[in-house]
């Protein structure tokens, strides 16, 4: 894939999956704005990329606000004369069950994930439309947003909203030749170590131990570098007709997620009463209920 001449902003790219995204884009020829709240980490990633011959600069700011989003886009414009790719990867976790989750826990995650995605996508869309050369907006979803996950009300809600935004923005930006897609990554990073059952897996991966086929194939879970090729593909000419999609990648597994849709229906002349619903429920609409939760994390 050749992305020479393209300019990308990747939020939360100082470490983890974000860094893998930025590295992959740089290796494909992109100039990249690295973003993180940790200035030292951001500069380390910039040095890694520039030492390898790529063009990269850092913008240290916490995503969420309009000001932060506009700073990121302006950094791309000032440094590289425009923006072609916005990848909204930055995120945090504040996991707690519903009855223990505080307002602060909820708001912090929504601010970074949901509002951060919105403000960065909006700032990028404004500039891309002004430039008139199209563009790519790639937002980052999650299994939790697609399926729900225990203890992740804030995170799952934000990620589900992000997927819905991708479908909406794909329609709104089509005339400007800006595609919008959501990546649903499944990778081992430090951020997931707090999820029940994941700490041991993260520890093994950090030691450099290879992941067994159970993880790479059945769970579709790998390392951050396994996910990055999907971003490069979506930003290339090969994906110019791909928009409004939620696409998963992890380990050895590439997948396309379905959109929410009706799967069964029943009709009754004159409308429905509660008793009428109860009468037909077991044999029609309710004969096979949908599953929920992440299968390998205790989903139903």
C-alpha atoms as a PDB file:
ATOM      1  CA  UNK A   1       0.000   0.000   0.000  1.00  0.00           C
ATOM      2  CA  UNK A   2       1.349   3.391  -1.020  1.00  0.00           C
ATOM      3  CA  UNK A   3       0.219   6.348   1.096  1.00  0.00           C
ATOM      4  CA  UNK A   4       3.036   8.677   0.086  1.00  0.00           C
ATOM      5  CA  UNK A   5       2.012  12.319   0.321  1.00  0.00           C
ATOM      6  CA  UNK A   6      -0.833  11.633   2.756  1.00  0.00           C
ATOM      7  CA  UNK A   7      -1.028  13.300   6.158  1.00  0.00           C
ATOM      8  CA  UNK A   8      -2.502  11.519   9.172  1.00  0.00           C
ATOM      9  CA  UNK A   9      -3.452  12.361  12.730  1.00  0.00           C
ATOM     10  CA  UNK A  10      -3.637   9.397  15.105  1.00  0.00           C
ATOM     11  CA  UNK A  11      -4.937  10.199  18.566  1.00  0.00           C
ATOM     12  CA  UNK A  12      -3.575   8.251  21.507  1.00  0.00           C
ATOM     13  CA  UNK A  13      -0.601   7.115  19.435  1.00  0.00           C
ATOM     14  CA  UNK A  14       2.194   7.340  21.970  1.00  0.00           C
ATOM     15  CA  UNK A  15       1.890   3.680  22.879  1.00  0.00           C
ATOM     16  CA  UNK A  16      -0.156   0.512  22.334  1.00  0.00           C
ATOM     17  CA  UNK A  17      -2.430   0.105  19.339  1.00  0.00           C
ATOM     18  CA  UNK A  18      -2.197   3.812  18.523  1.00  0.00           C
ATOM     19  CA  UNK A  19       1.558   3.609  18.134  1.00  0.00           C
ATOM     20  CA  UNK A  20       1.166   0.521  15.928  1.00  0.00           C
ATOM     21  CA  UNK A  21      -1.335   2.456  13.778  1.00  0.00           C
ATOM     22  CA  UNK A  22       1.032   5.413  13.456  1.00  0.00           C
ATOM     23  CA  UNK A  23       4.014   3.203  12.641  1.00  0.00           C
ATOM     24  CA  UNK A  24       2.091   1.321   9.949  1.00  0.00           C
ATOM     25  CA  UNK A  25       0.900   4.553   8.324  1.00  0.00           C
ATOM     26  CA  UNK A  26       4.420   5.969   8.409  1.00  0.00           C
ATOM     27  CA  UNK A  27       5.839   2.816   6.838  1.00  0.00           C
ATOM     28  CA  UNK A  28       3.252   3.208   4.046  1.00  0.00           C
ATOM     29  CA  UNK A  29       4.507   6.740   3.376  1.00  0.00           C
ATOM     30  CA  UNK A  30       2.280   8.953   5.555  1.00  0.00           C
ATOM     31  CA  UNK A  31       3.409  11.999   7.469  1.00  0.00           C
ATOM     32  CA  UNK A  32       1.980  11.524  10.953  1.00  0.00           C
ATOM     33  CA  UNK A  33       0.922  13.706  13.882  1.00  0.00           C
ATOM     34  CA  UNK A  34       1.494  11.701  17.055  1.00  0.00           C
ATOM     35  CA  UNK A  35      -0.832  12.510  19.934  1.00  0.00           C
ATOM     36  CA  UNK A  36      -0.651  11.546  23.593  1.00  0.00           C
ATOM     37  CA  UNK A  37      -1.145  13.085  27.017  1.00  0.00           C
ATOM     38  CA  UNK A  38       2.374  11.983  27.951  1.00  0.00           C
ATOM     39  CA  UNK A  39       4.832  14.270  26.182  1.00  0.00           C
ATOM     40  CA  UNK A  40       7.811  12.007  26.741  1.00  0.00           C
ATOM     41  CA  UNK A  41       6.035   8.998  25.268  1.00  0.00           C
ATOM     42  CA  UNK A  42       4.832  11.042  22.275  1.00  0.00           C
ATOM     43  CA  UNK A  43       8.331  12.323  21.538  1.00  0.00           C
ATOM     44  CA  UNK A  44       9.779   8.818  21.822  1.00  0.00           C
ATOM     45  CA  UNK A  45       7.335   7.616  19.182  1.00  0.00           C
ATOM     46  CA  UNK A  46       8.150  10.588  16.950  1.00  0.00           C
ATOM     47  CA  UNK A  47      11.873   9.807  17.277  1.00  0.00           C
ATOM     48  CA  UNK A  48      11.273   6.169  16.422  1.00  0.00           C
ATOM     49  CA  UNK A  49       9.432   7.145  13.245  1.00  0.00           C
ATOM     50  CA  UNK A  50      11.811   9.909  12.152  1.00  0.00           C
ATOM     51  CA  UNK A  51      14.849   7.715  12.807  1.00  0.00           C
ATOM     52  CA  UNK A  52      13.276   5.313  10.349  1.00  0.00           C
ATOM     53  CA  UNK A  53      12.992   8.014   7.710  1.00  0.00           C
ATOM     54  CA  UNK A  54       9.358   9.011   8.245  1.00  0.00           C
ATOM     55  CA  UNK A  55       7.966  12.480   8.848  1.00  0.00           C
ATOM     56  CA  UNK A  56       6.312  12.867  12.261  1.00  0.00           C
ATOM     57  CA  UNK A  57       5.583  15.517  14.868  1.00  0.00           C
ATOM     58  CA  UNK A  58       3.965  15.406  18.299  1.00  0.00           C
ATOM     59  CA  UNK A  59       0.966  17.270  19.670  1.00  0.00           C
ATOM     60  CA  UNK A  60       0.576  16.692  23.402  1.00  0.00           C
ATOM     61  CA  UNK A  61      -3.042  17.223  24.418  1.00  0.00           C
ATOM     62  CA  UNK A  62      -5.889  15.265  25.971  1.00  0.00           C
ATOM     63  CA  UNK A  63      -8.599  14.684  23.364  1.00  0.00           C
ATOM     64  CA  UNK A  64     -12.200  15.543  24.097  1.00  0.00           C
ATOM     65  CA  UNK A  65     -12.539  19.290  23.744  1.00  0.00           C
ATOM     66  CA  UNK A  66     -13.065  21.225  20.542  1.00  0.00           C
ATOM     67  CA  UNK A  67      -9.852  23.113  21.244  1.00  0.00           C
ATOM     68  CA  UNK A  68      -7.842  19.876  21.427  1.00  0.00           C
ATOM     69  CA  UNK A  69      -9.305  18.594  18.163  1.00  0.00           C
ATOM     70  CA  UNK A  70      -8.623  21.831  16.339  1.00  0.00           C
ATOM     71  CA  UNK A  71      -5.065  21.889  17.673  1.00  0.00           C
ATOM     72  CA  UNK A  72      -4.444  18.414  16.245  1.00  0.00           C
ATOM     73  CA  UNK A  73      -5.770  19.309  12.808  1.00  0.00           C
ATOM     74  CA  UNK A  74      -3.916  22.615  12.793  1.00  0.00           C
ATOM     75  CA  UNK A  75      -0.703  20.817  13.731  1.00  0.00           C
ATOM     76  CA  UNK A  76      -1.109  18.640  10.655  1.00  0.00           C
ATOM     77  CA  UNK A  77      -1.797  21.675   8.471  1.00  0.00           C
ATOM     78  CA  UNK A  78       1.113  23.708   9.855  1.00  0.00           C
ATOM     79  CA  UNK A  79       3.588  20.836   9.672  1.00  0.00           C
ATOM     80  CA  UNK A  80       2.525  19.037   6.509  1.00  0.00           C
ATOM     81  CA  UNK A  81       0.151  21.392   4.637  1.00  0.00           C
ATOM     82  CA  UNK A  82      -3.106  19.525   5.211  1.00  0.00           C
ATOM     83  CA  UNK A  83      -4.817  16.440   6.564  1.00  0.00           C
ATOM     84  CA  UNK A  84      -5.988  13.338   4.726  1.00  0.00           C
ATOM     85  CA  UNK A  85      -6.522  10.824   7.532  1.00  0.00           C
ATOM     86  CA  UNK A  86      -7.979  11.134  11.021  1.00  0.00           C
ATOM     87  CA  UNK A  87      -7.817   8.057  13.248  1.00  0.00           C
ATOM     88  CA  UNK A  88      -9.581   8.556  16.591  1.00  0.00           C
ATOM     89  CA  UNK A  89      -7.869   5.954  18.734  1.00  0.00           C
ATOM     90  CA  UNK A  90      -7.382   7.661  22.120  1.00  0.00           C
ATOM     91  CA  UNK A  91      -9.142   6.016  25.024  1.00  0.00           C
ATOM     92  CA  UNK A  92      -9.226   5.258  28.728  1.00  0.00           C
ATOM     93  CA  UNK A  93     -10.986   2.732  30.971  1.00  0.00           C
ATOM     94  CA  UNK A  94     -12.827   3.293  34.253  1.00  0.00           C
ATOM     95  CA  UNK A  95     -14.426  -0.118  34.744  1.00  0.00           C
ATOM     96  CA  UNK A  96     -17.048  -0.656  37.451  1.00  0.00           C
ATOM     97  CA  UNK A  97     -20.406  -2.395  37.639  1.00  0.00           C
ATOM     98  CA  UNK A  98     -23.435  -0.152  37.211  1.00  0.00           C
ATOM     99  CA  UNK A  99     -24.248   0.292  40.905  1.00  0.00           C
ATOM    100  CA  UNK A 100     -20.674   1.279  41.733  1.00  0.00           C
ATOM    101  CA  UNK A 101     -19.909   3.481  38.730  1.00  0.00           C
ATOM    102  CA  UNK A 102     -19.597   7.146  39.671  1.00  0.00           C
ATOM    103  CA  UNK A 103     -20.497  10.167  37.583  1.00  0.00           C
ATOM    104  CA  UNK A 104     -16.767  10.857  37.273  1.00  0.00           C
ATOM    105  CA  UNK A 105     -16.094   7.321  36.001  1.00  0.00           C
ATOM    106  CA  UNK A 106     -18.816   7.685  33.386  1.00  0.00           C
ATOM    107  CA  UNK A 107     -17.988  11.210  32.289  1.00  0.00           C
ATOM    108  CA  UNK A 108     -14.238  10.626  31.934  1.00  0.00           C
ATOM    109  CA  UNK A 109     -14.704   7.720  29.527  1.00  0.00           C
ATOM    110  CA  UNK A 110     -17.442   9.440  27.523  1.00  0.00           C
ATOM    111  CA  UNK A 111     -15.331  12.601  27.283  1.00  0.00           C
ATOM    112  CA  UNK A 112     -12.316  10.799  25.858  1.00  0.00           C
ATOM    113  CA  UNK A 113     -13.976   8.203  23.654  1.00  0.00           C
ATOM    114  CA  UNK A 114     -17.296   9.655  22.528  1.00  0.00           C
ATOM    115  CA  UNK A 115     -16.696  13.388  22.635  1.00  0.00           C
ATOM    116  CA  UNK A 116     -13.074  12.973  21.555  1.00  0.00           C
ATOM    117  CA  UNK A 117     -14.153  11.009  18.508  1.00  0.00           C
ATOM    118  CA  UNK A 118     -16.853  13.559  17.678  1.00  0.00           C
ATOM    119  CA  UNK A 119     -14.681  16.661  18.034  1.00  0.00           C
ATOM    120  CA  UNK A 120     -11.704  15.186  16.166  1.00  0.00           C
ATOM    121  CA  UNK A 121     -13.867  13.817  13.350  1.00  0.00           C
ATOM    122  CA  UNK A 122     -15.673  17.160  13.049  1.00  0.00           C
ATOM    123  CA  UNK A 123     -12.446  19.173  12.938  1.00  0.00           C
ATOM    124  CA  UNK A 124     -11.004  16.821  10.336  1.00  0.00           C
ATOM    125  CA  UNK A 125     -14.186  16.852   8.240  1.00  0.00           C
ATOM    126  CA  UNK A 126     -14.255  20.650   8.164  1.00  0.00           C
ATOM    127  CA  UNK A 127     -10.680  20.831   6.911  1.00  0.00           C
ATOM    128  CA  UNK A 128     -11.028  17.924   4.466  1.00  0.00           C
ATOM    129  CA  UNK A 129     -14.114  19.495   2.892  1.00  0.00           C
ATOM    130  CA  UNK A 130     -12.255  22.801   2.524  1.00  0.00           C
ATOM    131  CA  UNK A 131      -9.329  21.038   0.849  1.00  0.00           C
ATOM    132  CA  UNK A 132     -11.626  19.305  -1.624  1.00  0.00           C
ATOM    133  CA  UNK A 133      -9.459  16.215  -2.050  1.00  0.00           C
ATOM    134  CA  UNK A 134     -11.498  13.721  -0.036  1.00  0.00           C
ATOM    135  CA  UNK A 135     -10.166  11.930   2.987  1.00  0.00           C
ATOM    136  CA  UNK A 136     -10.425   9.079   5.447  1.00  0.00           C
ATOM    137  CA  UNK A 137     -11.912   9.164   8.927  1.00  0.00           C
ATOM    138  CA  UNK A 138     -11.341   5.934  10.824  1.00  0.00           C
ATOM    139  CA  UNK A 139     -12.905   5.705  14.254  1.00  0.00           C
ATOM    140  CA  UNK A 140     -12.210   2.934  16.731  1.00  0.00           C
ATOM    141  CA  UNK A 141     -14.974   0.741  18.092  1.00  0.00           C
ATOM    142  CA  UNK A 142     -14.794  -2.284  20.352  1.00  0.00           C
ATOM    143  CA  UNK A 143     -16.247  -5.731  20.977  1.00  0.00           C
ATOM    144  CA  UNK A 144     -17.763  -4.169  24.102  1.00  0.00           C
ATOM    145  CA  UNK A 145     -19.607  -1.638  21.968  1.00  0.00           C
ATOM    146  CA  UNK A 146     -20.892  -4.336  19.633  1.00  0.00           C
ATOM    147  CA  UNK A 147     -21.817  -6.894  22.289  1.00  0.00           C
ATOM    148  CA  UNK A 148     -21.709  -5.285  25.737  1.00  0.00           C
ATOM    149  CA  UNK A 149     -19.289  -6.310  28.476  1.00  0.00           C
ATOM    150  CA  UNK A 150     -19.560  -6.761  32.230  1.00  0.00           C
ATOM    151  CA  UNK A 151     -18.382  -3.717  34.175  1.00  0.00           C
ATOM    152  CA  UNK A 152     -18.074  -1.475  31.137  1.00  0.00           C
ATOM    153  CA  UNK A 153     -21.248   0.620  30.975  1.00  0.00           C
ATOM    154  CA  UNK A 154     -19.322   3.785  30.083  1.00  0.00           C
ATOM    155  CA  UNK A 155     -16.922   2.180  27.603  1.00  0.00           C
ATOM    156  CA  UNK A 156     -19.514  -0.020  25.875  1.00  0.00           C
ATOM    157  CA  UNK A 157     -21.930   2.884  25.587  1.00  0.00           C
ATOM    158  CA  UNK A 158     -19.278   5.145  24.075  1.00  0.00           C
ATOM    159  CA  UNK A 159     -18.100   2.523  21.605  1.00  0.00           C
ATOM    160  CA  UNK A 160     -21.646   1.674  20.509  1.00  0.00           C
ATOM    161  CA  UNK A 161     -22.223   5.370  19.922  1.00  0.00           C
ATOM    162  CA  UNK A 162     -19.025   5.640  17.910  1.00  0.00           C
ATOM    163  CA  UNK A 163     -20.167   2.823  15.602  1.00  0.00           C
ATOM    164  CA  UNK A 164     -23.469   4.623  15.059  1.00  0.00           C
ATOM    165  CA  UNK A 165     -21.605   7.858  14.321  1.00  0.00           C
ATOM    166  CA  UNK A 166     -19.519   6.115  11.663  1.00  0.00           C
ATOM    167  CA  UNK A 167     -22.654   5.045   9.801  1.00  0.00           C
ATOM    168  CA  UNK A 168     -24.136   8.540  10.053  1.00  0.00           C
ATOM    169  CA  UNK A 169     -20.970  10.369   9.020  1.00  0.00           C
ATOM    170  CA  UNK A 170     -20.480   7.988   6.082  1.00  0.00           C
ATOM    171  CA  UNK A 171     -23.765   9.303   4.659  1.00  0.00           C
ATOM    172  CA  UNK A 172     -23.075  12.941   5.456  1.00  0.00           C
ATOM    173  CA  UNK A 173     -19.555  13.000   4.006  1.00  0.00           C
ATOM    174  CA  UNK A 174     -20.072  10.813   0.934  1.00  0.00           C
ATOM    175  CA  UNK A 175     -20.404  13.764  -1.474  1.00  0.00           C
ATOM    176  CA  UNK A 176     -17.064  15.110  -0.249  1.00  0.00           C
ATOM    177  CA  UNK A 177     -15.462  11.721  -1.012  1.00  0.00           C
ATOM    178  CA  UNK A 178     -14.591  11.228   2.636  1.00  0.00           C
ATOM    179  CA  UNK A 179     -15.043   7.649   3.810  1.00  0.00           C
ATOM    180  CA  UNK A 180     -15.832   6.849   7.433  1.00  0.00           C
ATOM    181  CA  UNK A 181     -15.334   3.416   8.935  1.00  0.00           C
ATOM    182  CA  UNK A 182     -14.949   1.896  12.378  1.00  0.00           C
ATOM    183  CA  UNK A 183     -12.191  -0.540  13.255  1.00  0.00           C
ATOM    184  CA  UNK A 184     -13.150  -3.115  15.896  1.00  0.00           C
ATOM    185  CA  UNK A 185      -9.706  -4.143  17.154  1.00  0.00           C
ATOM    186  CA  UNK A 186      -8.935  -7.132  19.338  1.00  0.00           C
ATOM    187  CA  UNK A 187      -5.412  -6.799  20.660  1.00  0.00           C
ATOM    188  CA  UNK A 188      -3.471  -7.248  23.845  1.00  0.00           C
ATOM    189  CA  UNK A 189      -2.443  -3.928  25.349  1.00  0.00           C
ATOM    190  CA  UNK A 190      -1.686  -2.597  28.795  1.00  0.00           C
ATOM    191  CA  UNK A 191      -5.123  -0.947  28.861  1.00  0.00           C
ATOM    192  CA  UNK A 192      -6.993  -4.285  28.901  1.00  0.00           C
ATOM    193  CA  UNK A 193      -4.990  -5.738  31.808  1.00  0.00           C
ATOM    194  CA  UNK A 194      -7.659  -4.494  34.246  1.00  0.00           C
ATOM    195  CA  UNK A 195     -10.387  -6.557  32.538  1.00  0.00           C
ATOM    196  CA  UNK A 196     -11.118  -9.747  34.508  1.00  0.00           C
ATOM    197  CA  UNK A 197      -9.247 -12.698  33.034  1.00  0.00           C
ATOM    198  CA  UNK A 198      -6.917 -10.576  30.895  1.00  0.00           C
ATOM    199  CA  UNK A 199      -4.031  -9.743  33.253  1.00  0.00           C
ATOM    200  CA  UNK A 200      -2.277 -13.104  32.806  1.00  0.00           C
ATOM    201  CA  UNK A 201      -2.554 -12.890  29.019  1.00  0.00           C
ATOM    202  CA  UNK A 202      -1.128  -9.376  28.961  1.00  0.00           C
ATOM    203  CA  UNK A 203       1.760 -10.436  31.206  1.00  0.00           C
ATOM    204  CA  UNK A 204       2.635 -13.364  28.922  1.00  0.00           C
ATOM    205  CA  UNK A 205       2.514 -11.166  25.833  1.00  0.00           C
ATOM    206  CA  UNK A 206       4.775  -8.555  27.433  1.00  0.00           C
ATOM    207  CA  UNK A 207       7.333 -11.302  28.053  1.00  0.00           C
ATOM    208  CA  UNK A 208       7.346 -11.997  24.333  1.00  0.00           C
ATOM    209  CA  UNK A 209       5.659 -15.362  24.623  1.00  0.00           C
ATOM    210  CA  UNK A 210       3.801 -16.358  21.430  1.00  0.00           C
ATOM    211  CA  UNK A 211       0.028 -16.448  21.570  1.00  0.00           C
ATOM    212  CA  UNK A 212      -1.526 -19.884  21.055  1.00  0.00           C
ATOM    213  CA  UNK A 213      -3.970 -20.531  18.207  1.00  0.00           C
ATOM    214  CA  UNK A 214      -6.850 -20.426  20.715  1.00  0.00           C
ATOM    215  CA  UNK A 215      -6.246 -16.689  21.083  1.00  0.00           C
ATOM    216  CA  UNK A 216      -5.188 -15.832  17.531  1.00  0.00           C
ATOM    217  CA  UNK A 217      -7.911 -17.790  15.727  1.00  0.00           C
ATOM    218  CA  UNK A 218     -10.866 -18.661  17.969  1.00  0.00           C
ATOM    219  CA  UNK A 219     -10.729 -15.453  20.018  1.00  0.00           C
ATOM    220  CA  UNK A 220      -9.300 -13.440  17.124  1.00  0.00           C
ATOM    221  CA  UNK A 221      -6.900 -11.716  19.497  1.00  0.00           C
ATOM    222  CA  UNK A 222      -3.327 -10.757  18.732  1.00  0.00           C
ATOM    223  CA  UNK A 223      -0.835  -7.977  19.262  1.00  0.00           C
ATOM    224  CA  UNK A 224      -1.293  -4.293  18.303  1.00  0.00           C
ATOM    225  CA  UNK A 225       0.788  -4.834  15.157  1.00  0.00           C
ATOM    226  CA  UNK A 226      -1.768  -7.390  13.966  1.00  0.00           C
ATOM    227  CA  UNK A 227      -4.507  -4.733  13.860  1.00  0.00           C
ATOM    228  CA  UNK A 228      -2.592  -1.929  12.132  1.00  0.00           C
ATOM    229  CA  UNK A 229      -2.795  -3.293   8.545  1.00  0.00           C
ATOM    230  CA  UNK A 230      -6.564  -2.723   8.576  1.00  0.00           C
ATOM    231  CA  UNK A 231      -6.070   1.003   9.098  1.00  0.00           C
ATOM    232  CA  UNK A 232      -3.576   1.168   6.222  1.00  0.00           C
ATOM    233  CA  UNK A 233      -6.021  -0.679   3.959  1.00  0.00           C
ATOM    234  CA  UNK A 234      -8.928   1.617   4.857  1.00  0.00           C
ATOM    235  CA  UNK A 235      -6.785   4.673   4.122  1.00  0.00           C
ATOM    236  CA  UNK A 236      -5.685   3.379   0.715  1.00  0.00           C
ATOM    237  CA  UNK A 237      -7.227   3.631  -2.737  1.00  0.00           C
ATOM    238  CA  UNK A 238      -8.101  -0.067  -2.464  1.00  0.00           C
ATOM    239  CA  UNK A 239     -10.791   0.904   0.073  1.00  0.00           C
ATOM    240  CA  UNK A 240     -12.143   4.025  -1.625  1.00  0.00           C
ATOM    241  CA  UNK A 241     -15.598   2.414  -1.950  1.00  0.00           C
ATOM    242  CA  UNK A 242     -15.643   1.081   1.625  1.00  0.00           C
ATOM    243  CA  UNK A 243     -17.563   3.333   4.000  1.00  0.00           C
ATOM    244  CA  UNK A 244     -20.032   3.090   6.860  1.00  0.00           C
ATOM    245  CA  UNK A 245     -18.642  -0.270   7.970  1.00  0.00           C
ATOM    246  CA  UNK A 246     -17.520  -1.823  11.257  1.00  0.00           C
ATOM    247  CA  UNK A 247     -14.587  -4.110  10.490  1.00  0.00           C
ATOM    248  CA  UNK A 248     -12.806  -6.314  12.977  1.00  0.00           C
ATOM    249  CA  UNK A 249      -9.215  -7.484  13.027  1.00  0.00           C
ATOM    250  CA  UNK A 250      -7.228  -9.312  15.656  1.00  0.00           C
ATOM    251  CA  UNK A 251      -4.712 -12.125  15.580  1.00  0.00           C
ATOM    252  CA  UNK A 252      -5.431 -14.189  12.477  1.00  0.00           C
ATOM    253  CA  UNK A 253      -9.094 -13.152  12.172  1.00  0.00           C
ATOM    254  CA  UNK A 254     -10.517 -10.469   9.842  1.00  0.00           C
ATOM    255  CA  UNK A 255     -14.269  -9.913  10.124  1.00  0.00           C
ATOM    256  CA  UNK A 256     -17.161  -7.693   9.076  1.00  0.00           C
ATOM    257  CA  UNK A 257     -19.659  -6.828  11.804  1.00  0.00           C
ATOM    258  CA  UNK A 258     -23.356  -6.586  10.964  1.00  0.00           C
ATOM    259  CA  UNK A 259     -25.362  -3.457  11.605  1.00  0.00           C
ATOM    260  CA  UNK A 260     -28.235  -3.625  14.116  1.00  0.00           C
ATOM    261  CA  UNK A 261     -31.265  -4.836  12.187  1.00  0.00           C
ATOM    262  CA  UNK A 262     -34.649  -6.440  12.673  1.00  0.00           C
ATOM    263  CA  UNK A 263     -34.317 -10.231  12.724  1.00  0.00           C
ATOM    264  CA  UNK A 264     -37.956 -11.215  13.214  1.00  0.00           C
ATOM    265  CA  UNK A 265     -41.364  -9.565  13.193  1.00  0.00           C
ATOM    266  CA  UNK A 266     -45.033 -10.313  13.799  1.00  0.00           C
ATOM    267  CA  UNK A 267     -48.168  -8.374  12.793  1.00  0.00           C
ATOM    268  CA  UNK A 268     -51.634  -8.025  14.304  1.00  0.00           C
ATOM    269  CA  UNK A 269     -54.540  -6.126  12.820  1.00  0.00           C
ATOM    270  CA  UNK A 270     -55.446  -3.158  14.985  1.00  0.00           C
ATOM    271  CA  UNK A 271     -52.195  -3.215  16.942  1.00  0.00           C
ATOM    272  CA  UNK A 272     -50.958  -5.048  19.995  1.00  0.00           C
ATOM    273  CA  UNK A 273     -51.990  -5.490  23.622  1.00  0.00           C
ATOM    274  CA  UNK A 274     -49.627  -6.767  26.309  1.00  0.00           C
ATOM    275  CA  UNK A 275     -51.615 -10.041  26.488  1.00  0.00           C
ATOM    276  CA  UNK A 276     -51.425 -10.479  22.718  1.00  0.00           C
ATOM    277  CA  UNK A 277     -47.653  -9.991  22.779  1.00  0.00           C
ATOM    278  CA  UNK A 278     -47.319 -12.569  25.561  1.00  0.00           C
ATOM    279  CA  UNK A 279     -49.415 -15.056  23.600  1.00  0.00           C
ATOM    280  CA  UNK A 280     -47.308 -14.993  20.426  1.00  0.00           C
ATOM    281  CA  UNK A 281     -43.930 -14.178  21.941  1.00  0.00           C
ATOM    282  CA  UNK A 282     -42.603 -17.731  22.526  1.00  0.00           C
ATOM    283  CA  UNK A 283     -43.537 -18.961  19.053  1.00  0.00           C
ATOM    284  CA  UNK A 284     -42.693 -15.919  16.916  1.00  0.00           C
ATOM    285  CA  UNK A 285     -40.599 -12.847  17.669  1.00  0.00           C
ATOM    286  CA  UNK A 286     -39.199 -14.225  20.910  1.00  0.00           C
ATOM    287  CA  UNK A 287     -38.527 -17.770  19.734  1.00  0.00           C
ATOM    288  CA  UNK A 288     -34.770 -17.146  19.532  1.00  0.00           C
ATOM    289  CA  UNK A 289     -33.374 -14.263  21.551  1.00  0.00           C
ATOM    290  CA  UNK A 290     -30.100 -12.563  20.728  1.00  0.00           C
ATOM    291  CA  UNK A 291     -26.938 -13.361  22.651  1.00  0.00           C
ATOM    292  CA  UNK A 292     -25.007 -10.626  24.436  1.00  0.00           C
ATOM    293  CA  UNK A 293     -21.595 -10.057  25.960  1.00  0.00           C
ATOM    294  CA  UNK A 294     -18.166 -11.071  24.698  1.00  0.00           C
ATOM    295  CA  UNK A 295     -18.079 -14.882  24.311  1.00  0.00           C
ATOM    296  CA  UNK A 296     -14.597 -15.422  25.720  1.00  0.00           C
ATOM    297  CA  UNK A 297     -15.243 -13.023  28.609  1.00  0.00           C
ATOM    298  CA  UNK A 298     -18.370 -14.665  29.979  1.00  0.00           C
ATOM    299  CA  UNK A 299     -20.947 -13.482  27.431  1.00  0.00           C
ATOM    300  CA  UNK A 300     -24.301 -15.204  27.073  1.00  0.00           C
END
